[in-house]
Amino acid sequence: MTDRRILARRFETERPRLHAIATGLLGSTADADDALHETWLRLDRSANEEIENLSAWLTTVVSRVSLDLLRAPRRRREHSWQVEPWRDEPVAAEDPAELVAQSDQVSVALLVLLETLSPAERIAFVLHDVFDRPFDEIATVLDRSPEAARQLASRGRRRVRGAEEPARPGRERGRHIVEAWLAAAQEGDLGALLALLDDGAVLHADYGTTAQVVDGARAIAEQAVLSGRLAAHSTPVLIGGLPGVAAVMGERVVSIMAFSIEDGRIVRLDVLADPDRLDALGVQQLVGDQPAR
């Protein structure tokens, strides 16, 4: 397999399967894309090597790359922006392995459950229970014995199935606050906004090239009034399990905002309006086709 063109064709044939594996392991299509890019680079560098079973080789490499990403500290920061549609009723929990396999985008609730596992447990559980990979192959990925890989998968299975879906305290109350916020911002009702905000509330915004911090309820409320047009084109979403909104302008998601609520009042707002990061998170695909309020 010295011809790079042959390798590229074989890789493209395997891409959908590899992407499904990486997404199941990482819970993010953006991270899965990164893992596939690195897998291709490693395959390209190995062009002069003799690979007996390319499919198994690629599975091993994409799994190892995913394991490295799982161990990277930055992943926990990125997960706070994981977005999912806010349905009126939560979907009834099924077998976690089936839930991973059913969708390219792992739900926030399931992702939180998977985050309770160590990287090795997560790799072993997902590769075996979801993708039916043999334990000797998983052992190669983890640099463990097949029996150790079996034990990791079993431990991960017990922990995930024994865990309850992450609690969403005040889910209905959170939705009510989000709806009230959007209505007040759209109407320019400063008093209503102040009633929703804790006096010491803070807003953090990331615009990509610049960042902004707004301290205090009044300053935040005044900015919300100025942004009333965005409120008119926003739809509620869940962001890292928190109540949130996605603002859509010109059929594009231009920002997302997460609400941190304590004792019925908003104590923190986190805004992401960096187009590149929004694209990397796949927000457009998740909520771009949903009607705004």
Foldseek 3Di string as FASTA:
>chain_A
DLDLVVVVVVLVVCVVVQLLLLCLLQQFSLVSVVLSVVLSVVCNVCSVPDDPDVNLVSNLSSLLSSLVVLPDPCSVVLQLQQWFADDPDDDDDDQLLVQSQVDSHRDLQSVVLLNVARSLLSSLQNCCSNVNDQLPSSCSSVVHHSVVSVVSNVVSSCSSVVDDRDDQPCPVLQVVLLVQLLVCLLVVPLVSQLVQADQFAKEWEDAPVDIDIDTGSNRVSVVSNVVNVQSQQWAWIAGSSATKIFGADPLAGQKIKGFDDDPRHTRYIYMYRHVVSCVSRVVCVRPSPPGHD
